[in-house]
Structure formats: C-alpha cells, structure tokens
Amino acid sequence: MGSVHGFPGIDPADAAIGARLKRWREARGMDVDTVAAALKITPEEERRAEAGRAHLTSLQLAAATHRLRLPMWALVSDSRAY
C-alpha cells in the first residue's frame, strides 16, 4: 500500500468491503445515516468506509450485517460461505 503526498493508500480489502456495504445498503433502500448510526460512526465515516478509505472493525461489520439483515459473509465475500 503506497501513499501520495502523505495520504495513506487504500487497502484493497477495505475497498472491497466498502463497495459491498454500499451495494447492500442501496439494495435495502437505507440511507447512510441509518447504517452509520448502527455502526456508531458519523455519516462521513460511513461514506469513507464505503469508499474504502476507512477500516471497519469486526464489531462494526457485525452491526452492519445485523442492520442490513445479511449473513456475515455478504460483506467479506461475493461467494456464499455455506
């Protein structure tokens, strides 16, 4: 992971999880504020996570999957875990 002018690079894993989070949030018709509240983060932090510019903890991933009514694998993989 490189950086440009002191800005940290984007972790590919965080980018993939963020893209899935955004895709599922939109598919469920939820706004950023609703999911951010479930994760106990600000809407701006939620947007950064969806853009892959912030790392979500395992507890935040669990909260997101619970709020979106998803199995945990839905945010960490595009393939079913079972």
PDB file of N, CA and C in Angstrom:
ATOM      1  N   MET A   1       0.840  -1.154   0.000  1.00  0.00           N
ATOM      2  CA  MET A   1       0.000   0.000   0.000  1.00  0.00           C
ATOM      3  C   MET A   1       0.896   1.230   0.000  1.00  0.00           C
ATOM      4  N   GLY A   2       0.797   2.033  -0.996  1.00  0.00           N
ATOM      5  CA  GLY A   2       1.615   3.227  -1.092  1.00  0.00           C
ATOM      6  C   GLY A   2       0.858   4.460  -0.659  1.00  0.00           C
ATOM      7  N   SER A   3       1.545   5.568  -0.705  1.00  0.00           N
ATOM      8  CA  SER A   3       0.874   6.816  -0.361  1.00  0.00           C
ATOM      9  C   SER A   3       1.336   7.908  -1.312  1.00  0.00           C
ATOM     10  N   VAL A   4       0.537   8.931  -1.427  1.00  0.00           N
ATOM     11  CA  VAL A   4       0.856  10.075  -2.270  1.00  0.00           C
ATOM     12  C   VAL A   4       0.802  11.308  -1.384  1.00  0.00           C
ATOM     13  N   HIS A   5       1.906  12.023  -1.314  1.00  0.00           N
ATOM     14  CA  HIS A   5       1.968  13.264  -0.532  1.00  0.00           C
ATOM     15  C   HIS A   5       1.459  13.095   0.891  1.00  0.00           C
ATOM     16  N   GLY A   6       1.801  11.982   1.519  1.00  0.00           N
ATOM     17  CA  GLY A   6       1.437  11.767   2.906  1.00  0.00           C
ATOM     18  C   GLY A   6       0.055  11.197   3.146  1.00  0.00           C
ATOM     19  N   PHE A   7      -0.743  11.034   2.089  1.00  0.00           N
ATOM     20  CA  PHE A   7      -2.050  10.432   2.261  1.00  0.00           C
ATOM     21  C   PHE A   7      -1.897   8.917   2.209  1.00  0.00           C
ATOM     22  N   PRO A   8      -2.527   8.202   3.131  1.00  0.00           N
ATOM     23  CA  PRO A   8      -2.395   6.745   3.108  1.00  0.00           C
ATOM     24  C   PRO A   8      -3.084   6.149   1.885  1.00  0.00           C
ATOM     25  N   GLY A   9      -2.567   5.038   1.416  1.00  0.00           N
ATOM     26  CA  GLY A   9      -3.178   4.337   0.296  1.00  0.00           C
ATOM     27  C   GLY A   9      -4.437   3.618   0.735  1.00  0.00           C
ATOM     28  N   ILE A  10      -5.177   3.115  -0.223  1.00  0.00           N
ATOM     29  CA  ILE A  10      -6.411   2.382   0.067  1.00  0.00           C
ATOM     30  C   ILE A  10      -6.092   0.897   0.142  1.00  0.00           C
ATOM     31  N   ASP A  11      -6.496   0.267   1.234  1.00  0.00           N
ATOM     32  CA  ASP A  11      -6.325  -1.174   1.393  1.00  0.00           C
ATOM     33  C   ASP A  11      -7.360  -1.862   0.493  1.00  0.00           C
ATOM     34  N   PRO A  12      -6.925  -2.770  -0.389  1.00  0.00           N
ATOM     35  CA  PRO A  12      -7.876  -3.437  -1.290  1.00  0.00           C
ATOM     36  C   PRO A  12      -8.994  -4.181  -0.552  1.00  0.00           C
ATOM     37  N   ALA A  13      -8.691  -4.747   0.601  1.00  0.00           N
ATOM     38  CA  ALA A  13      -9.727  -5.456   1.368  1.00  0.00           C
ATOM     39  C   ALA A  13     -10.781  -4.470   1.880  1.00  0.00           C
ATOM     40  N   ASP A  14     -10.330  -3.323   2.391  1.00  0.00           N
ATOM     41  CA  ASP A  14     -11.271  -2.304   2.861  1.00  0.00           C
ATOM     42  C   ASP A  14     -12.114  -1.763   1.705  1.00  0.00           C
ATOM     43  N   ALA A  15     -11.495  -1.604   0.542  1.00  0.00           N
ATOM     44  CA  ALA A  15     -12.219  -1.118  -0.630  1.00  0.00           C
ATOM     45  C   ALA A  15     -13.302  -2.109  -1.054  1.00  0.00           C
ATOM     46  N   ALA A  16     -12.985  -3.402  -1.023  1.00  0.00           N
ATOM     47  CA  ALA A  16     -13.956  -4.431  -1.412  1.00  0.00           C
ATOM     48  C   ALA A  16     -15.112  -4.486  -0.422  1.00  0.00           C
ATOM     49  N   ILE A  17     -14.806  -4.446   0.868  1.00  0.00           N
ATOM     50  CA  ILE A  17     -15.860  -4.470   1.886  1.00  0.00           C
ATOM     51  C   ILE A  17     -16.718  -3.216   1.775  1.00  0.00           C
ATOM     52  N   GLY A  18     -16.089  -2.072   1.576  1.00  0.00           N
ATOM     53  CA  GLY A  18     -16.835  -0.824   1.436  1.00  0.00           C
ATOM     54  C   GLY A  18     -17.774  -0.838   0.248  1.00  0.00           C
ATOM     55  N   ALA A  19     -17.306  -1.375  -0.867  1.00  0.00           N
ATOM     56  CA  ALA A  19     -18.156  -1.456  -2.065  1.00  0.00           C
ATOM     57  C   ALA A  19     -19.348  -2.374  -1.821  1.00  0.00           C
ATOM     58  N   ARG A  20     -19.096  -3.499  -1.141  1.00  0.00           N
ATOM     59  CA  ARG A  20     -20.214  -4.405  -0.828  1.00  0.00           C
ATOM     60  C   ARG A  20     -21.190  -3.742   0.130  1.00  0.00           C
ATOM     61  N   LEU A  21     -20.676  -3.041   1.131  1.00  0.00           N
ATOM     62  CA  LEU A  21     -21.535  -2.361   2.093  1.00  0.00           C
ATOM     63  C   LEU A  21     -22.439  -1.356   1.376  1.00  0.00           C
ATOM     64  N   LYS A  22     -21.862  -0.572   0.497  1.00  0.00           N
ATOM     65  CA  LYS A  22     -22.659   0.415  -0.249  1.00  0.00           C
ATOM     66  C   LYS A  22     -23.693  -0.271  -1.133  1.00  0.00           C
ATOM     67  N   ARG A  23     -23.274  -1.316  -1.828  1.00  0.00           N
ATOM     68  CA  ARG A  23     -24.195  -2.036  -2.718  1.00  0.00           C
ATOM     69  C   ARG A  23     -25.383  -2.598  -1.933  1.00  0.00           C
ATOM     70  N   TRP A  24     -25.113  -3.248  -0.791  1.00  0.00           N
ATOM     71  CA  TRP A  24     -26.189  -3.821   0.018  1.00  0.00           C
ATOM     72  C   TRP A  24     -27.047  -2.725   0.655  1.00  0.00           C
ATOM     73  N   ARG A  25     -26.435  -1.655   1.119  1.00  0.00           N
ATOM     74  CA  ARG A  25     -27.196  -0.563   1.731  1.00  0.00           C
ATOM     75  C   ARG A  25     -28.181   0.015   0.725  1.00  0.00           C
ATOM     76  N   GLU A  26     -27.694   0.257  -0.483  1.00  0.00           N
ATOM     77  CA  GLU A  26     -28.568   0.800  -1.517  1.00  0.00           C
ATOM     78  C   GLU A  26     -29.644  -0.198  -1.919  1.00  0.00           C
ATOM     79  N   ALA A  27     -29.291  -1.477  -2.009  1.00  0.00           N
ATOM     80  CA  ALA A  27     -30.270  -2.505  -2.373  1.00  0.00           C
ATOM     81  C   ALA A  27     -31.374  -2.616  -1.322  1.00  0.00           C
ATOM     82  N   ARG A  28     -31.026  -2.337  -0.069  1.00  0.00           N
ATOM     83  CA  ARG A  28     -32.002  -2.397   1.022  1.00  0.00           C
ATOM     84  C   ARG A  28     -32.765  -1.078   1.180  1.00  0.00           C
ATOM     85  N   GLY A  29     -32.392  -0.076   0.375  1.00  0.00           N
ATOM     86  CA  GLY A  29     -33.087   1.204   0.423  1.00  0.00           C
ATOM     87  C   GLY A  29     -32.805   2.008   1.684  1.00  0.00           C
ATOM     88  N   MET A  30     -31.635   1.804   2.279  1.00  0.00           N
ATOM     89  CA  MET A  30     -31.277   2.530   3.503  1.00  0.00           C
ATOM     90  C   MET A  30     -30.347   3.685   3.172  1.00  0.00           C
ATOM     91  N   ASP A  31     -30.457   4.731   3.970  1.00  0.00           N
ATOM     92  CA  ASP A  31     -29.560   5.863   3.769  1.00  0.00           C
ATOM     93  C   ASP A  31     -28.302   5.710   4.622  1.00  0.00           C
ATOM     94  N   VAL A  32     -27.317   6.524   4.322  1.00  0.00           N
ATOM     95  CA  VAL A  32     -26.035   6.475   5.020  1.00  0.00           C
ATOM     96  C   VAL A  32     -26.219   6.720   6.513  1.00  0.00           C
ATOM     97  N   ASP A  33     -27.084   7.654   6.878  1.00  0.00           N
ATOM     98  CA  ASP A  33     -27.293   7.990   8.285  1.00  0.00           C
ATOM     99  C   ASP A  33     -27.776   6.793   9.097  1.00  0.00           C
ATOM    100  N   THR A  34     -28.664   6.000   8.526  1.00  0.00           N
ATOM    101  CA  THR A  34     -29.219   4.842   9.226  1.00  0.00           C
ATOM    102  C   THR A  34     -28.146   3.805   9.522  1.00  0.00           C
ATOM    103  N   VAL A  35     -27.338   3.492   8.518  1.00  0.00           N
ATOM    104  CA  VAL A  35     -26.280   2.493   8.710  1.00  0.00           C
ATOM    105  C   VAL A  35     -25.189   3.052   9.616  1.00  0.00           C
ATOM    106  N   ALA A  36     -24.847   4.313   9.461  1.00  0.00           N
ATOM    107  CA  ALA A  36     -23.825   4.927  10.315  1.00  0.00           C
ATOM    108  C   ALA A  36     -24.244   4.859  11.779  1.00  0.00           C
ATOM    109  N   ALA A  37     -25.499   5.116  12.060  1.00  0.00           N
ATOM    110  CA  ALA A  37     -25.990   5.056  13.445  1.00  0.00           C
ATOM    111  C   ALA A  37     -25.835   3.647  14.011  1.00  0.00           C
ATOM    112  N   ALA A  38     -26.123   2.633  13.193  1.00  0.00           N
ATOM    113  CA  ALA A  38     -25.974   1.248  13.651  1.00  0.00           C
ATOM    114  C   ALA A  38     -24.515   0.900  13.941  1.00  0.00           C
ATOM    115  N   LEU A  39     -23.602   1.500  13.185  1.00  0.00           N
ATOM    116  CA  LEU A  39     -22.172   1.248  13.368  1.00  0.00           C
ATOM    117  C   LEU A  39     -21.551   2.149  14.427  1.00  0.00           C
ATOM    118  N   LYS A  40     -22.343   3.112  14.922  1.00  0.00           N
ATOM    119  CA  LYS A  40     -21.871   4.090  15.917  1.00  0.00           C
ATOM    120  C   LYS A  40     -20.710   4.925  15.384  1.00  0.00           C
ATOM    121  N   ILE A  41     -20.875   5.350  14.113  1.00  0.00           N
ATOM    122  CA  ILE A  41     -19.908   6.237  13.472  1.00  0.00           C
ATOM    123  C   ILE A  41     -20.687   7.376  12.817  1.00  0.00           C
ATOM    124  N   THR A  42     -19.980   8.412  12.392  1.00  0.00           N
ATOM    125  CA  THR A  42     -20.643   9.528  11.723  1.00  0.00           C
ATOM    126  C   THR A  42     -20.971   9.145  10.280  1.00  0.00           C
ATOM    127  N   PRO A  43     -21.924   9.836   9.673  1.00  0.00           N
ATOM    128  CA  PRO A  43     -22.213   9.583   8.263  1.00  0.00           C
ATOM    129  C   PRO A  43     -20.975   9.784   7.374  1.00  0.00           C
ATOM    130  N   GLU A  44     -20.141  10.758   7.713  1.00  0.00           N
ATOM    131  CA  GLU A  44     -18.910  10.975   6.939  1.00  0.00           C
ATOM    132  C   GLU A  44     -17.979   9.767   7.049  1.00  0.00           C
ATOM    133  N   GLU A  45     -17.857   9.194   8.236  1.00  0.00           N
ATOM    134  CA  GLU A  45     -17.032   7.986   8.400  1.00  0.00           C
ATOM    135  C   GLU A  45     -17.623   6.818   7.610  1.00  0.00           C
ATOM    136  N   GLU A  46     -18.948   6.739   7.573  1.00  0.00           N
ATOM    137  CA  GLU A  46     -19.629   5.705   6.785  1.00  0.00           C
ATOM    138  C   GLU A  46     -19.303   5.870   5.298  1.00  0.00           C
ATOM    139  N   ARG A  47     -19.353   7.096   4.811  1.00  0.00           N
ATOM    140  CA  ARG A  47     -19.027   7.346   3.400  1.00  0.00           C
ATOM    141  C   ARG A  47     -17.575   6.983   3.099  1.00  0.00           C
ATOM    142  N   ARG A  48     -16.668   7.309   4.031  1.00  0.00           N
ATOM    143  CA  ARG A  48     -15.260   6.955   3.836  1.00  0.00           C
ATOM    144  C   ARG A  48     -15.081   5.444   3.832  1.00  0.00           C
ATOM    145  N   ALA A  49     -15.814   4.736   4.689  1.00  0.00           N
ATOM    146  CA  ALA A  49     -15.734   3.268   4.715  1.00  0.00           C
ATOM    147  C   ALA A  49     -16.231   2.689   3.391  1.00  0.00           C
ATOM    148  N   GLU A  50     -17.333   3.220   2.882  1.00  0.00           N
ATOM    149  CA  GLU A  50     -17.869   2.737   1.607  1.00  0.00           C
ATOM    150  C   GLU A  50     -16.914   3.018   0.454  1.00  0.00           C
ATOM    151  N   ALA A  51     -16.125   4.067   0.576  1.00  0.00           N
ATOM    152  CA  ALA A  51     -15.149   4.414  -0.460  1.00  0.00           C
ATOM    153  C   ALA A  51     -13.840   3.649  -0.282  1.00  0.00           C
ATOM    154  N   GLY A  52     -13.748   2.845   0.779  1.00  0.00           N
ATOM    155  CA  GLY A  52     -12.529   2.080   1.029  1.00  0.00           C
ATOM    156  C   GLY A  52     -11.446   2.883   1.717  1.00  0.00           C
ATOM    157  N   ARG A  53     -11.785   4.040   2.230  1.00  0.00           N
ATOM    158  CA  ARG A  53     -10.804   4.918   2.862  1.00  0.00           C
ATOM    159  C   ARG A  53     -10.813   4.832   4.386  1.00  0.00           C
ATOM    160  N   ALA A  54     -11.595   3.899   4.928  1.00  0.00           N
ATOM    161  CA  ALA A  54     -11.640   3.682   6.371  1.00  0.00           C
ATOM    162  C   ALA A  54     -11.811   2.189   6.624  1.00  0.00           C
ATOM    163  N   HIS A  55     -11.213   1.740   7.698  1.00  0.00           N
ATOM    164  CA  HIS A  55     -11.281   0.330   8.078  1.00  0.00           C
ATOM    165  C   HIS A  55     -12.414   0.134   9.078  1.00  0.00           C
ATOM    166  N   LEU A  56     -13.256  -0.858   8.839  1.00  0.00           N
ATOM    167  CA  LEU A  56     -14.313  -1.199   9.780  1.00  0.00           C
ATOM    168  C   LEU A  56     -13.854  -2.373  10.641  1.00  0.00           C
ATOM    169  N   THR A  57     -14.126  -2.303  11.926  1.00  0.00           N
ATOM    170  CA  THR A  57     -13.769  -3.386  12.833  1.00  0.00           C
ATOM    171  C   THR A  57     -14.734  -4.551  12.645  1.00  0.00           C
ATOM    172  N   SER A  58     -14.389  -5.676  13.213  1.00  0.00           N
ATOM    173  CA  SER A  58     -15.275  -6.836  13.117  1.00  0.00           C
ATOM    174  C   SER A  58     -16.610  -6.551  13.815  1.00  0.00           C
ATOM    175  N   LEU A  59     -16.585  -5.784  14.894  1.00  0.00           N
ATOM    176  CA  LEU A  59     -17.839  -5.419  15.562  1.00  0.00           C
ATOM    177  C   LEU A  59     -18.700  -4.520  14.686  1.00  0.00           C
ATOM    178  N   GLN A  60     -18.070  -3.612  13.962  1.00  0.00           N
ATOM    179  CA  GLN A  60     -18.820  -2.746  13.050  1.00  0.00           C
ATOM    180  C   GLN A  60     -19.379  -3.543  11.878  1.00  0.00           C
ATOM    181  N   LEU A  61     -18.605  -4.511  11.376  1.00  0.00           N
ATOM    182  CA  LEU A  61     -19.114  -5.370  10.299  1.00  0.00           C
ATOM    183  C   LEU A  61     -20.313  -6.177  10.784  1.00  0.00           C
ATOM    184  N   ALA A  62     -20.226  -6.681  12.006  1.00  0.00           N
ATOM    185  CA  ALA A  62     -21.347  -7.439  12.578  1.00  0.00           C
ATOM    186  C   ALA A  62     -22.571  -6.544  12.723  1.00  0.00           C
ATOM    187  N   ALA A  63     -22.383  -5.307  13.169  1.00  0.00           N
ATOM    188  CA  ALA A  63     -23.505  -4.373  13.311  1.00  0.00           C
ATOM    189  C   ALA A  63     -24.122  -4.051  11.952  1.00  0.00           C
ATOM    190  N   ALA A  64     -23.273  -3.894  10.947  1.00  0.00           N
ATOM    191  CA  ALA A  64     -23.774  -3.593   9.599  1.00  0.00           C
ATOM    192  C   ALA A  64     -24.585  -4.755   9.048  1.00  0.00           C
ATOM    193  N   THR A  65     -24.067  -5.961   9.200  1.00  0.00           N
ATOM    194  CA  THR A  65     -24.804  -7.114   8.675  1.00  0.00           C
ATOM    195  C   THR A  65     -26.120  -7.309   9.428  1.00  0.00           C
ATOM    196  N   HIS A  66     -26.100  -7.039  10.729  1.00  0.00           N
ATOM    197  CA  HIS A  66     -27.340  -7.151  11.514  1.00  0.00           C
ATOM    198  C   HIS A  66     -28.358  -6.116  11.029  1.00  0.00           C
ATOM    199  N   ARG A  67     -27.932  -4.868  10.867  1.00  0.00           N
ATOM    200  CA  ARG A  67     -28.842  -3.794  10.454  1.00  0.00           C
ATOM    201  C   ARG A  67     -29.376  -4.020   9.049  1.00  0.00           C
ATOM    202  N   LEU A  68     -28.524  -4.539   8.171  1.00  0.00           N
ATOM    203  CA  LEU A  68     -28.926  -4.788   6.786  1.00  0.00           C
ATOM    204  C   LEU A  68     -29.590  -6.158   6.601  1.00  0.00           C
ATOM    205  N   ARG A  69     -29.656  -6.918   7.698  1.00  0.00           N
ATOM    206  CA  ARG A  69     -30.245  -8.272   7.674  1.00  0.00           C
ATOM    207  C   ARG A  69     -29.533  -9.168   6.660  1.00  0.00           C
ATOM    208  N   LEU A  70     -28.219  -9.257   6.857  1.00  0.00           N
ATOM    209  CA  LEU A  70     -27.372 -10.047   5.968  1.00  0.00           C
ATOM    210  C   LEU A  70     -26.572 -11.061   6.766  1.00  0.00           C
ATOM    211  N   PRO A  71     -26.169 -12.158   6.124  1.00  0.00           N
ATOM    212  CA  PRO A  71     -25.189 -13.038   6.770  1.00  0.00           C
ATOM    213  C   PRO A  71     -23.819 -12.354   6.724  1.00  0.00           C
ATOM    214  N   MET A  72     -22.946 -12.676   7.656  1.00  0.00           N
ATOM    215  CA  MET A  72     -21.648 -12.014   7.742  1.00  0.00           C
ATOM    216  C   MET A  72     -20.862 -12.117   6.443  1.00  0.00           C
ATOM    217  N   TRP A  73     -20.943 -13.238   5.753  1.00  0.00           N
ATOM    218  CA  TRP A  73     -20.144 -13.412   4.535  1.00  0.00           C
ATOM    219  C   TRP A  73     -20.491 -12.386   3.460  1.00  0.00           C
ATOM    220  N   ALA A  74     -21.665 -11.798   3.520  1.00  0.00           N
ATOM    221  CA  ALA A  74     -22.110 -10.892   2.467  1.00  0.00           C
ATOM    222  C   ALA A  74     -21.236  -9.649   2.336  1.00  0.00           C
ATOM    223  N   LEU A  75     -20.558  -9.243   3.405  1.00  0.00           N
ATOM    224  CA  LEU A  75     -19.684  -8.072   3.323  1.00  0.00           C
ATOM    225  C   LEU A  75     -18.232  -8.434   3.075  1.00  0.00           C
ATOM    226  N   VAL A  76     -17.858  -9.672   3.353  1.00  0.00           N
ATOM    227  CA  VAL A  76     -16.452 -10.047   3.204  1.00  0.00           C
ATOM    228  C   VAL A  76     -16.181 -10.906   1.976  1.00  0.00           C
ATOM    229  N   SER A  77     -17.232 -11.326   1.275  1.00  0.00           N
ATOM    230  CA  SER A  77     -17.037 -12.173   0.104  1.00  0.00           C
ATOM    231  C   SER A  77     -18.221 -12.030  -0.841  1.00  0.00           C
ATOM    232  N   ASP A  78     -17.978 -12.257  -2.121  1.00  0.00           N
ATOM    233  CA  ASP A  78     -19.063 -12.279  -3.094  1.00  0.00           C
ATOM    234  C   ASP A  78     -19.621 -13.684  -3.270  1.00  0.00           C
ATOM    235  N   SER A  79     -19.022 -14.658  -2.580  1.00  0.00           N
ATOM    236  CA  SER A  79     -19.464 -16.047  -2.652  1.00  0.00           C
ATOM    237  C   SER A  79     -20.087 -16.474  -1.329  1.00  0.00           C
ATOM    238  N   ARG A  80     -21.146 -17.248  -1.404  1.00  0.00           N
ATOM    239  CA  ARG A  80     -21.772 -17.748  -0.187  1.00  0.00           C
ATOM    240  C   ARG A  80     -20.788 -18.571   0.617  1.00  0.00           C
ATOM    241  N   ALA A  81     -20.882 -18.468   1.913  1.00  0.00           N
ATOM    242  CA  ALA A  81     -19.985 -19.212   2.799  1.00  0.00           C
ATOM    243  C   ALA A  81     -20.559 -20.567   3.160  1.00  0.00           C
ATOM    244  N   TYR A  82     -21.760 -20.845   2.744  1.00  0.00           N
ATOM    245  CA  TYR A  82     -22.402 -22.133   3.035  1.00  0.00           C
ATOM    246  C   TYR A  82     -23.276 -22.557   1.910  1.00  0.00           C
TER     247      TYR A  82
END
